[in-house]
Amino acid sequence: MDDDATPLRLGFSTGYWSAGPPAGAAEAVAAADRLGLDSVWTAEAYGSDAFTPLAWWGAGTRTVRLGTGIAQMAARTPTAAAMAAMTLDHLSGGRFVLGLGASGPQVVEGWYGQPYPRPLERTREYVDIVRQVLRREEPVRLDGAHYQLPLRGGTGQGKALRSTVHPLRADLPIHLAAQGPRNTALAAEIADGWLPFLFSPRLSATYADHLAAGFARRAPERSPSSRFEVSAAVPVALGPDVEQAADALRPHFALYVGGMGSGSANYHREAVERLGHEAACAEIARRWADGDRAGAAAAVPTGLVLDVALAGNPAQLREQLAAWEASVVTTLIIQTDPRVLPQVVAALRP
């Protein structure tokens, strides 16, 4: 990655659905295309899926890239993910980005009924199969620990198959979501981009070391590391000042620190703790466990918010943006109320 070669790009995340589609999401996707943003990203947890809204809202766009941020691997087989990716890439004229992630054991085992152990090994096999489908050089085969094509121990009638559809791009980009050091290195080794969450620009050098460890193992047939993308999802709140804008983001971080995962596994909390906010995380989690949602939000320090988000008036946002521009991030994916996306973009652009 050459941080001096390309200015920081802007993207937009439509975010998770709650009871229904986020208000203003369709209009925000159209605005992202009109405003010249780099990319639009959709998410999935255990409600709406990531592919359908991307196809529906993205149908009216012309230039913006369309990415899943993220499609959960447990939600569909590797070949099903490759089929959806090829389909959307054709329909969008080569603008699709396949963002994949492992999710966590609560969702993988509780919602999808799939095993979670050894997620890095599972990810490696998953991406291998997707790339085989995209290359379309020969029938897809893998005799892995987690995936077998044809199925090992089946009826014996399974046949290795090659996609009937010719991919528009055999090198369709695959980006991996990761938070821990080993996951980040894996993204640099086997993928075309990294989708970090709870990224802090002040630890950019540390993240660069994790990426370098993966680049050292990168196969020569992969896209060059100089083209590797780091697209960070960053909450952004406009307000009259930092404190009032941060107030809008505190409940978001209280949910991720206190309400996600289980008592023994919360990768979001661990990411925040690695930034040095252990005491705050403990207090947020304690209040959340007691059912005090407002208290948990109030326990989120402004320093934590500014570590991983942008908050304030336009001048303050542009000042905070400088640290992101100096980091390994290549695209800042704006997470905000879809209805105020144009104002946020105007505030971030000089």
Protein backbone atom coordinates (compact mmCIF):
# COMPACT_ATOMS: atom_id res chain seq x y z
CA MET A 1 0.00 0.00 0.00
CA ASP A 2 1.24 3.44 -0.94
CA ASP A 3 -0.45 5.97 1.33
CA ASP A 4 0.94 8.93 -0.64
CA ALA A 5 -0.26 7.74 -4.04
CA THR A 6 -4.03 7.94 -3.57
CA PRO A 7 -6.10 10.31 -1.41
CA LEU A 8 -8.44 8.81 1.14
CA ARG A 9 -11.64 7.67 -0.54
CA LEU A 10 -15.09 7.86 1.02
CA GLY A 11 -17.69 5.11 1.12
CA PHE A 12 -21.06 4.67 2.80
CA SER A 13 -22.49 1.83 4.87
CA THR A 14 -26.26 1.44 4.89
CA GLY A 15 -25.92 -0.28 8.26
CA TYR A 16 -27.98 -3.02 9.86
CA TRP A 17 -31.73 -3.14 9.59
CA SER A 18 -33.74 -3.06 12.80
CA ALA A 19 -37.45 -3.77 12.39
CA GLY A 20 -37.23 -2.77 8.73
CA PRO A 21 -35.09 -0.92 6.18
CA PRO A 22 -33.18 2.10 7.54
CA ALA A 23 -35.06 5.30 6.77
CA GLY A 24 -33.51 7.11 3.84
CA ALA A 25 -31.20 4.24 2.82
CA ALA A 26 -32.35 4.09 -0.80
CA GLU A 27 -31.95 7.84 -1.18
CA ALA A 28 -28.52 7.71 0.47
CA VAL A 29 -27.29 5.05 -1.96
CA ALA A 30 -28.43 7.23 -4.85
CA ALA A 31 -26.71 10.21 -3.23
CA ALA A 32 -23.49 8.23 -2.79
CA ASP A 33 -23.47 7.57 -6.52
CA ARG A 34 -24.32 11.18 -7.37
CA LEU A 35 -21.69 12.58 -4.97
CA GLY A 36 -18.94 10.42 -6.43
CA LEU A 37 -18.31 8.22 -3.41
CA ASP A 38 -16.11 5.19 -3.95
CA SER A 39 -18.41 2.50 -2.59
CA VAL A 40 -21.64 1.52 -0.84
CA TRP A 41 -21.71 -1.38 1.63
CA THR A 42 -24.53 -3.43 3.14
CA ALA A 43 -24.52 -5.60 6.26
CA GLU A 44 -26.24 -8.66 7.66
CA ALA A 45 -26.58 -10.15 11.13
CA TYR A 46 -29.67 -12.29 11.77
CA GLY A 47 -32.41 -10.38 9.99
CA SER A 48 -31.99 -8.85 6.55
CA ASP A 49 -29.35 -10.25 4.20
CA ALA A 50 -26.53 -8.26 2.58
CA PHE A 51 -27.03 -9.16 -1.09
CA THR A 52 -30.69 -8.29 -1.71
CA PRO A 53 -30.57 -4.61 -0.59
CA LEU A 54 -27.33 -4.13 -2.51
CA ALA A 55 -28.94 -5.37 -5.70
CA TRP A 56 -32.20 -3.49 -5.13
CA TRP A 57 -30.77 -0.12 -4.11
CA GLY A 58 -27.74 -0.47 -6.34
CA ALA A 59 -29.82 -1.04 -9.48
CA GLY A 60 -30.19 2.71 -9.97
CA THR A 61 -26.49 3.52 -9.53
CA ARG A 62 -23.94 3.93 -12.29
CA THR A 63 -20.42 4.36 -10.90
CA VAL A 64 -20.26 3.60 -7.17
CA ARG A 65 -18.85 0.20 -6.21
CA LEU A 66 -21.21 -2.18 -4.42
CA GLY A 67 -19.85 -4.25 -1.54
CA THR A 68 -21.12 -6.64 1.10
CA GLY A 69 -19.82 -5.43 4.41
CA ILE A 70 -20.11 -8.12 5.42
CA ALA A 71 -21.63 -11.32 4.07
CA GLN A 72 -21.37 -13.91 6.83
CA MET A 73 -19.68 -17.09 5.68
CA ALA A 74 -21.90 -19.32 7.80
CA ALA A 75 -24.97 -17.93 6.03
CA ARG A 76 -24.21 -19.61 2.70
CA THR A 77 -21.85 -22.17 1.24
CA PRO A 78 -18.74 -20.90 -0.57
CA THR A 79 -20.21 -21.78 -3.97
CA ALA A 80 -23.46 -19.97 -3.13
CA ALA A 81 -21.46 -16.87 -2.18
CA ALA A 82 -19.52 -17.12 -5.44
CA MET A 83 -22.78 -17.47 -7.41
CA ALA A 84 -24.22 -14.33 -5.81
CA ALA A 85 -20.95 -12.46 -6.38
CA MET A 86 -20.76 -13.39 -10.06
CA THR A 87 -24.40 -12.49 -10.57
CA LEU A 88 -24.11 -9.05 -8.97
CA ASP A 89 -20.84 -8.37 -10.76
CA HIS A 90 -22.49 -9.01 -14.12
CA LEU A 91 -25.57 -6.94 -13.28
CA SER A 92 -23.51 -4.01 -11.99
CA GLY A 93 -21.02 -4.01 -14.87
CA GLY A 94 -18.08 -5.09 -12.76
CA ARG A 95 -18.65 -2.96 -9.66
CA PHE A 96 -19.17 -5.66 -7.03
CA VAL A 97 -16.87 -6.33 -4.06
CA LEU A 98 -17.34 -9.52 -2.04
CA GLY A 99 -16.80 -8.68 1.60
CA LEU A 100 -16.74 -11.78 3.81
CA GLY A 101 -16.51 -12.35 7.53
CA ALA A 102 -16.74 -15.13 10.09
CA SER A 103 -19.13 -13.32 12.48
CA GLY A 104 -19.09 -14.72 16.05
CA PRO A 105 -19.98 -18.01 17.71
CA GLN A 106 -23.28 -16.68 19.06
CA VAL A 107 -24.61 -16.01 15.55
CA VAL A 108 -22.80 -18.81 13.73
CA GLU A 109 -23.92 -21.53 16.13
CA GLY A 110 -27.12 -19.96 17.45
CA TRP A 111 -28.64 -18.63 14.24
CA TYR A 112 -27.07 -20.63 11.43
CA GLY A 113 -26.53 -23.85 13.36
CA GLN A 114 -23.01 -24.12 12.00
CA PRO A 115 -19.77 -24.95 13.86
CA TYR A 116 -17.54 -22.00 14.74
CA PRO A 117 -14.17 -23.45 15.85
CA ARG A 118 -11.03 -22.75 13.79
CA PRO A 119 -12.48 -19.74 11.92
CA LEU A 120 -9.16 -18.85 10.24
CA GLU A 121 -8.78 -22.32 8.78
CA ARG A 122 -12.41 -22.27 7.71
CA THR A 123 -11.96 -18.85 6.07
CA ARG A 124 -8.94 -20.04 4.11
CA GLU A 125 -10.90 -22.98 2.66
CA TYR A 126 -13.94 -20.79 1.94
CA VAL A 127 -11.94 -18.23 -0.04
CA ASP A 128 -10.11 -21.00 -1.90
CA ILE A 129 -13.43 -22.38 -3.16
CA VAL A 130 -14.77 -18.95 -4.13
CA ARG A 131 -11.62 -18.22 -6.12
CA GLN A 132 -11.85 -21.59 -7.88
CA VAL A 133 -15.40 -20.75 -8.96
CA LEU A 134 -14.32 -17.33 -10.22
CA ARG A 135 -11.33 -18.65 -12.14
CA ARG A 136 -13.51 -21.28 -13.83
CA GLU A 137 -10.43 -23.16 -15.01
CA GLU A 138 -11.68 -26.60 -14.01
CA PRO A 139 -14.37 -28.23 -11.85
CA VAL A 140 -14.24 -27.08 -8.25
CA ARG A 141 -12.59 -29.53 -5.87
CA LEU A 142 -11.47 -29.25 -2.26
CA ASP A 143 -10.91 -31.95 0.32
CA GLY A 144 -10.65 -29.71 3.36
CA ALA A 145 -11.28 -30.05 7.06
CA HIS A 146 -14.44 -27.92 6.83
CA TYR A 147 -15.53 -28.06 3.19
CA GLN A 148 -15.37 -30.94 0.73
CA LEU A 149 -16.35 -30.70 -2.91
CA PRO A 150 -17.56 -33.24 -3.85
CA LEU A 151 -18.82 -34.13 -0.38
CA ARG A 152 -16.75 -36.69 1.44
CA GLY A 153 -18.84 -39.56 2.82
CA GLY A 154 -21.95 -38.71 0.83
CA THR A 155 -23.89 -40.96 -1.50
CA GLY A 156 -20.91 -41.23 -3.83
CA GLN A 157 -22.91 -39.58 -6.61
CA GLY A 158 -21.54 -36.09 -6.07
CA LYS A 159 -19.69 -34.68 -9.07
CA ALA A 160 -17.12 -31.89 -9.24
CA LEU A 161 -18.73 -29.09 -11.26
CA ARG A 162 -17.68 -25.92 -13.02
CA SER A 163 -19.90 -22.84 -13.02
CA THR A 164 -22.20 -22.56 -16.02
CA VAL A 165 -21.84 -18.78 -15.80
CA HIS A 166 -18.62 -17.23 -17.04
CA PRO A 167 -17.54 -14.63 -14.47
CA LEU A 168 -17.28 -11.06 -15.69
CA ARG A 169 -14.06 -10.77 -13.66
CA ALA A 170 -12.06 -13.80 -12.62
CA ASP A 171 -10.23 -11.46 -10.24
CA LEU A 172 -13.39 -10.09 -8.61
CA PRO A 173 -12.10 -8.53 -5.36
CA ILE A 174 -12.57 -10.38 -2.10
CA HIS A 175 -12.23 -8.42 1.12
CA LEU A 176 -12.09 -9.99 4.58
CA ALA A 177 -13.44 -8.54 7.81
CA ALA A 178 -11.01 -8.99 10.68
CA GLN A 179 -10.24 -7.49 14.09
CA GLY A 180 -7.51 -9.61 15.66
CA PRO A 181 -3.85 -9.67 14.57
CA ARG A 182 -3.97 -13.16 13.03
CA ASN A 183 -7.20 -12.46 11.15
CA THR A 184 -5.74 -9.22 9.81
CA ALA A 185 -2.62 -11.00 8.62
CA LEU A 186 -4.80 -13.64 6.93
CA ALA A 187 -6.64 -10.91 5.00
CA ALA A 188 -3.31 -9.56 3.73
CA GLU A 189 -2.23 -13.07 2.75
CA ILE A 190 -5.26 -14.33 0.81
CA ALA A 191 -7.62 -11.40 0.10
CA ASP A 192 -7.65 -8.18 -1.90
CA GLY A 193 -8.69 -5.99 0.99
CA TRP A 194 -9.25 -5.74 4.73
CA LEU A 195 -12.52 -4.55 6.30
CA PRO A 196 -11.61 -3.46 9.84
CA PHE A 197 -14.11 -2.39 12.46
CA LEU A 198 -13.25 -0.31 15.51
CA PHE A 199 -10.07 0.78 13.74
CA SER A 200 -8.02 3.49 15.46
CA PRO A 201 -5.58 5.54 13.36
CA ARG A 202 -3.22 5.91 16.32
CA LEU A 203 -2.48 2.18 16.07
CA SER A 204 -1.91 2.35 12.32
CA ALA A 205 1.72 1.24 12.64
CA THR A 206 0.64 -1.86 14.56
CA TYR A 207 -1.98 -2.70 11.94
CA ALA A 208 0.67 -2.19 9.24
CA ASP A 209 2.86 -4.78 10.98
CA HIS A 210 -0.01 -7.30 11.02
CA LEU A 211 -0.63 -6.68 7.33
CA ALA A 212 3.08 -6.98 6.54
CA ALA A 213 3.13 -10.42 8.18
CA GLY A 214 0.39 -11.52 5.79
CA PHE A 215 1.97 -9.88 2.74
CA ALA A 216 5.14 -11.89 3.41
CA ARG A 217 3.11 -15.08 2.84
CA ARG A 218 1.08 -13.75 -0.09
CA ALA A 219 1.08 -15.94 -3.19
CA PRO A 220 2.53 -14.32 -6.31
CA GLU A 221 -0.69 -14.87 -8.27
CA ARG A 222 -2.61 -12.64 -5.89
CA SER A 223 -3.11 -8.97 -6.70
CA PRO A 224 -0.03 -6.95 -5.71
CA SER A 225 0.09 -5.69 -2.13
CA SER A 226 0.38 -2.14 -3.51
CA ARG A 227 -3.26 -2.48 -4.64
CA PHE A 228 -4.48 -3.93 -1.33
CA GLU A 229 -7.37 -1.95 0.14
CA VAL A 230 -8.18 -1.12 3.74
CA SER A 231 -11.80 0.00 3.96
CA ALA A 232 -12.66 0.96 7.52
CA ALA A 233 -16.25 1.40 8.70
CA VAL A 234 -16.21 4.59 10.77
CA PRO A 235 -19.18 6.05 12.69
CA VAL A 236 -19.55 9.76 11.96
CA ALA A 237 -21.78 12.22 13.83
CA LEU A 238 -22.29 15.87 12.98
CA GLY A 239 -23.09 18.24 15.81
CA PRO A 240 -22.41 21.70 17.20
CA ASP A 241 -19.37 20.41 19.08
CA VAL A 242 -17.47 17.21 19.87
CA GLU A 243 -19.30 16.36 23.09
CA GLN A 244 -22.80 16.70 21.71
CA ALA A 245 -21.92 14.80 18.55
CA ALA A 246 -20.24 12.07 20.62
CA ASP A 247 -23.45 11.72 22.65
CA ALA A 248 -25.14 10.43 19.49
CA LEU A 249 -22.50 7.69 19.16
CA ARG A 250 -22.16 6.54 22.78
CA PRO A 251 -25.17 4.14 22.63
CA HIS A 252 -23.65 2.55 19.51
CA PHE A 253 -20.40 1.74 21.27
CA ALA A 254 -22.16 0.70 24.48
CA LEU A 255 -24.02 -1.92 22.43
CA TYR A 256 -20.86 -3.31 20.86
CA VAL A 257 -18.85 -3.35 24.10
CA GLY A 258 -21.60 -4.41 26.50
CA GLY A 259 -24.26 -6.10 24.43
CA MET A 260 -22.45 -8.12 21.79
CA GLY A 261 -21.00 -11.60 22.13
CA SER A 262 -21.02 -13.51 25.38
CA GLY A 263 -19.28 -13.21 28.70
CA SER A 264 -16.32 -15.17 27.35
CA ALA A 265 -16.18 -14.00 23.71
CA ASN A 266 -16.78 -10.42 22.57
CA TYR A 267 -14.34 -9.57 19.79
CA HIS A 268 -15.59 -5.99 19.60
CA ARG A 269 -14.85 -5.39 23.27
CA GLU A 270 -11.42 -6.99 22.86
CA ALA A 271 -10.65 -4.61 20.00
CA VAL A 272 -11.56 -1.61 22.15
CA GLU A 273 -9.54 -2.98 25.07
CA ARG A 274 -6.50 -3.20 22.81
CA LEU A 275 -6.80 0.57 22.45
CA GLY A 276 -6.28 0.94 26.20
CA HIS A 277 -9.90 1.33 27.34
CA GLU A 278 -10.05 -1.74 29.60
CA ALA A 279 -11.51 0.10 32.60
CA ALA A 280 -14.17 1.83 30.54
CA CYS A 281 -15.11 -1.46 28.87
CA ALA A 282 -15.52 -3.14 32.24
CA GLU A 283 -17.82 -0.38 33.46
CA ILE A 284 -19.85 -0.33 30.24
CA ALA A 285 -20.27 -4.11 30.37
CA ARG A 286 -21.26 -4.02 34.05
CA ARG A 287 -23.96 -1.42 33.50
CA TRP A 288 -25.22 -3.20 30.38
CA ALA A 289 -25.47 -6.52 32.25
CA ASP A 290 -27.49 -4.74 34.95
CA GLY A 291 -29.96 -3.59 32.30
CA ASP A 292 -28.86 0.04 32.54
CA ARG A 293 -28.59 0.90 28.85
CA ALA A 294 -28.50 4.65 29.40
CA GLY A 295 -25.83 4.25 32.07
CA ALA A 296 -23.77 2.05 29.77
CA ALA A 297 -23.90 4.71 27.07
CA ALA A 298 -22.96 7.42 29.56
CA ALA A 299 -19.93 5.35 30.58
CA VAL A 300 -18.47 5.53 27.06
CA PRO A 301 -15.68 8.12 27.30
CA THR A 302 -15.35 10.78 24.62
CA GLY A 303 -11.75 9.64 24.16
CA LEU A 304 -12.98 6.17 23.19
CA VAL A 305 -15.40 7.67 20.67
CA LEU A 306 -12.69 9.81 19.08
CA ASP A 307 -10.34 6.83 18.90
CA VAL A 308 -12.59 5.00 16.45
CA ALA A 309 -15.07 7.59 15.14
CA LEU A 310 -15.48 11.16 13.96
CA ALA A 311 -17.64 13.56 15.96
CA GLY A 312 -18.13 17.30 15.93
CA ASN A 313 -18.86 20.23 13.68
CA PRO A 314 -17.52 20.32 10.09
CA ALA A 315 -14.23 21.96 11.03
CA GLN A 316 -13.67 19.44 13.83
CA LEU A 317 -14.50 16.51 11.54
CA ARG A 318 -11.95 17.69 8.96
CA GLU A 319 -9.35 18.13 11.68
CA GLN A 320 -9.96 14.60 12.99
CA LEU A 321 -9.90 13.22 9.45
CA ALA A 322 -6.21 14.07 9.09
CA ALA A 323 -5.22 11.13 11.30
CA TRP A 324 -7.19 8.74 9.08
CA GLU A 325 -5.59 10.19 5.97
CA ALA A 326 -2.16 9.43 7.45
CA SER A 327 -3.09 5.84 8.35
CA VAL A 328 -3.14 2.61 6.33
CA VAL A 329 -6.83 3.17 5.57
CA THR A 330 -7.56 3.66 1.87
CA THR A 331 -11.35 4.09 2.12
CA LEU A 332 -13.28 5.56 5.04
CA ILE A 333 -16.74 3.96 5.02
CA ILE A 334 -19.11 6.46 6.62
CA GLN A 335 -21.56 5.02 9.14
CA THR A 336 -24.21 7.65 9.78
CA ASP A 337 -27.93 8.31 9.59
CA PRO A 338 -28.61 7.81 5.85
CA ARG A 339 -30.73 10.96 5.82
CA VAL A 340 -27.75 13.20 6.61
CA LEU A 341 -25.17 11.55 4.34
CA PRO A 342 -24.89 14.54 1.95
CA GLN A 343 -24.19 16.90 4.87
CA VAL A 344 -21.57 14.54 6.31
CA VAL A 345 -19.84 14.19 2.94
CA ALA A 346 -19.83 17.97 2.52
CA ALA A 347 -18.30 18.34 5.98
CA LEU A 348 -15.52 15.83 5.27
CA ARG A 349 -14.57 17.21 1.88
CA PRO A 350 -12.47 20.39 1.77
